[in-house]
Amino acid sequence: MGHVAKEKIKLLNRVKRLRGQIEAIERAVEADDECAQVLQQATACRGALDGFIAEVIEDHIREHMVDPHAGRETPHVLAAEELIEIVHQYLKR
């Protein structure tokens, strides 16, 4: 999985933020925080996880589905860019 290695620092930073958000949810539950606060933490975590997933999918598409020597306006490149945009829109919900 070469593309993950290329983006390792960026992806690890996202995972570390996710860990922090999960720990914040755990602290909120342990502290008997209000439901709304726990849900707010959980939705923030879900958004961060969706961002991580979108980043890995985008890198995968660019690395394995697009010829790096192809012109920017070739049908495959345009379709890949369209797919990346759809993935980002879907995961933003």
C-alpha atoms as a PDB file:
ATOM      1  CA  MET A   1       0.000   0.000   0.000  1.00  0.00           C
ATOM      2  CA  GLY A   2       2.507   2.536  -1.256  1.00  0.00           C
ATOM      3  CA  HIS A   3       0.215   5.541  -1.300  1.00  0.00           C
ATOM      4  CA  VAL A   4      -0.404   5.197   2.441  1.00  0.00           C
ATOM      5  CA  ALA A   5       3.352   5.258   3.046  1.00  0.00           C
ATOM      6  CA  LYS A   6       3.656   8.432   0.941  1.00  0.00           C
ATOM      7  CA  GLU A   7       1.014  10.172   3.035  1.00  0.00           C
ATOM      8  CA  LYS A   8       1.990   8.508   6.303  1.00  0.00           C
ATOM      9  CA  ILE A   9       2.615  11.650   8.365  1.00  0.00           C
ATOM     10  CA  LYS A  10      -0.614  13.303   7.241  1.00  0.00           C
ATOM     11  CA  LEU A  11      -2.647  10.145   7.905  1.00  0.00           C
ATOM     12  CA  LEU A  12      -1.002   9.522  11.279  1.00  0.00           C
ATOM     13  CA  ASN A  13      -1.812  13.083  12.325  1.00  0.00           C
ATOM     14  CA  ARG A  14      -5.455  12.460  11.437  1.00  0.00           C
ATOM     15  CA  VAL A  15      -5.438   9.197  13.426  1.00  0.00           C
ATOM     16  CA  LYS A  16      -3.921  10.971  16.428  1.00  0.00           C
ATOM     17  CA  ARG A  17      -6.664  13.598  16.295  1.00  0.00           C
ATOM     18  CA  LEU A  18      -9.231  10.809  16.088  1.00  0.00           C
ATOM     19  CA  ARG A  19      -7.702   9.160  19.149  1.00  0.00           C
ATOM     20  CA  GLY A  20      -7.959  12.446  21.020  1.00  0.00           C
ATOM     21  CA  GLN A  21     -11.593  12.804  20.029  1.00  0.00           C
ATOM     22  CA  ILE A  22     -12.406   9.243  21.118  1.00  0.00           C
ATOM     23  CA  GLU A  23     -10.703   9.903  24.447  1.00  0.00           C
ATOM     24  CA  ALA A  24     -12.788  13.073  24.813  1.00  0.00           C
ATOM     25  CA  ILE A  25     -15.947  11.013  24.301  1.00  0.00           C
ATOM     26  CA  GLU A  26     -14.749   8.549  26.923  1.00  0.00           C
ATOM     27  CA  ARG A  27     -14.059  11.376  29.389  1.00  0.00           C
ATOM     28  CA  ALA A  28     -17.474  12.895  28.707  1.00  0.00           C
ATOM     29  CA  VAL A  29     -19.234   9.585  29.383  1.00  0.00           C
ATOM     30  CA  GLU A  30     -17.162   8.950  32.517  1.00  0.00           C
ATOM     31  CA  ALA A  31     -17.988  12.446  33.772  1.00  0.00           C
ATOM     32  CA  ASP A  32     -21.706  11.933  33.148  1.00  0.00           C
ATOM     33  CA  ASP A  33     -21.765  14.919  30.789  1.00  0.00           C
ATOM     34  CA  GLU A  34     -25.038  15.947  29.196  1.00  0.00           C
ATOM     35  CA  CYS A  35     -26.267  13.850  26.279  1.00  0.00           C
ATOM     36  CA  ALA A  36     -25.927  16.772  23.885  1.00  0.00           C
ATOM     37  CA  GLN A  37     -22.243  17.215  24.778  1.00  0.00           C
ATOM     38  CA  VAL A  38     -21.516  13.513  24.303  1.00  0.00           C
ATOM     39  CA  LEU A  39     -23.349  13.509  20.969  1.00  0.00           C
ATOM     40  CA  GLN A  40     -21.489  16.617  19.852  1.00  0.00           C
ATOM     41  CA  GLN A  41     -18.171  14.902  20.616  1.00  0.00           C
ATOM     42  CA  ALA A  42     -19.324  11.748  18.804  1.00  0.00           C
ATOM     43  CA  THR A  43     -20.420  13.610  15.689  1.00  0.00           C
ATOM     44  CA  ALA A  44     -17.133  15.511  15.596  1.00  0.00           C
ATOM     45  CA  CYS A  45     -15.315  12.186  15.800  1.00  0.00           C
ATOM     46  CA  ARG A  46     -17.459  10.732  13.041  1.00  0.00           C
ATOM     47  CA  GLY A  47     -16.677  13.725  10.842  1.00  0.00           C
ATOM     48  CA  ALA A  48     -12.968  13.284  11.473  1.00  0.00           C
ATOM     49  CA  LEU A  49     -13.190   9.573  10.637  1.00  0.00           C
ATOM     50  CA  ASP A  50     -15.109  10.364   7.448  1.00  0.00           C
ATOM     51  CA  GLY A  51     -12.342  12.825   6.550  1.00  0.00           C
ATOM     52  CA  PHE A  52      -9.718  10.138   7.117  1.00  0.00           C
ATOM     53  CA  ILE A  53     -11.644   7.667   4.958  1.00  0.00           C
ATOM     54  CA  ALA A  54     -12.081  10.245   2.184  1.00  0.00           C
ATOM     55  CA  GLU A  55      -8.361  11.011   2.236  1.00  0.00           C
ATOM     56  CA  VAL A  56      -7.392   7.334   1.902  1.00  0.00           C
ATOM     57  CA  ILE A  57      -9.948   6.773  -0.883  1.00  0.00           C
ATOM     58  CA  GLU A  58      -8.750   9.862  -2.755  1.00  0.00           C
ATOM     59  CA  ASP A  59      -5.119   8.773  -2.480  1.00  0.00           C
ATOM     60  CA  HIS A  60      -6.097   5.278  -3.622  1.00  0.00           C
ATOM     61  CA  ILE A  61      -7.919   6.589  -6.691  1.00  0.00           C
ATOM     62  CA  ARG A  62      -5.046   8.881  -7.633  1.00  0.00           C
ATOM     63  CA  GLU A  63      -2.415   6.171  -7.083  1.00  0.00           C
ATOM     64  CA  HIS A  64      -4.107   3.112  -8.593  1.00  0.00           C
ATOM     65  CA  MET A  65      -6.731   4.336 -11.027  1.00  0.00           C
ATOM     66  CA  VAL A  66      -5.134   7.290 -12.784  1.00  0.00           C
ATOM     67  CA  ASP A  67      -2.145   7.107 -15.092  1.00  0.00           C
ATOM     68  CA  PRO A  68       0.264   9.763 -13.770  1.00  0.00           C
ATOM     69  CA  HIS A  69       1.350  10.466 -17.348  1.00  0.00           C
ATOM     70  CA  ALA A  70      -2.176  11.030 -18.628  1.00  0.00           C
ATOM     71  CA  GLY A  71      -3.247  14.535 -19.448  1.00  0.00           C
ATOM     72  CA  ARG A  72      -5.490  16.340 -17.005  1.00  0.00           C
ATOM     73  CA  GLU A  73      -8.373  16.422 -19.479  1.00  0.00           C
ATOM     74  CA  THR A  74      -8.414  12.726 -20.416  1.00  0.00           C
ATOM     75  CA  PRO A  75     -11.685  10.880 -19.729  1.00  0.00           C
ATOM     76  CA  HIS A  76     -10.125   8.647 -17.051  1.00  0.00           C
ATOM     77  CA  VAL A  77      -8.657  11.577 -15.149  1.00  0.00           C
ATOM     78  CA  LEU A  78     -11.895  13.539 -15.362  1.00  0.00           C
ATOM     79  CA  ALA A  79     -13.883  10.508 -14.178  1.00  0.00           C
ATOM     80  CA  ALA A  80     -11.459   9.971 -11.280  1.00  0.00           C
ATOM     81  CA  GLU A  81     -11.771  13.625 -10.229  1.00  0.00           C
ATOM     82  CA  GLU A  82     -15.558  13.341 -10.419  1.00  0.00           C
ATOM     83  CA  LEU A  83     -15.476  10.192  -8.270  1.00  0.00           C
ATOM     84  CA  ILE A  84     -13.239  11.897  -5.703  1.00  0.00           C
ATOM     85  CA  GLU A  85     -15.676  14.803  -5.500  1.00  0.00           C
ATOM     86  CA  ILE A  86     -18.616  12.405  -5.037  1.00  0.00           C
ATOM     87  CA  VAL A  87     -16.790  10.576  -2.231  1.00  0.00           C
ATOM     88  CA  HIS A  88     -16.085  13.877  -0.461  1.00  0.00           C
ATOM     89  CA  GLN A  89     -19.700  15.000  -0.829  1.00  0.00           C
ATOM     90  CA  TYR A  90     -21.039  11.672   0.401  1.00  0.00           C
ATOM     91  CA  LEU A  91     -18.810  11.586   3.452  1.00  0.00           C
ATOM     92  CA  LYS A  92     -19.635  15.201   4.387  1.00  0.00           C
ATOM     93  CA  ARG A  93     -23.342  14.430   4.741  1.00  0.00           C
END
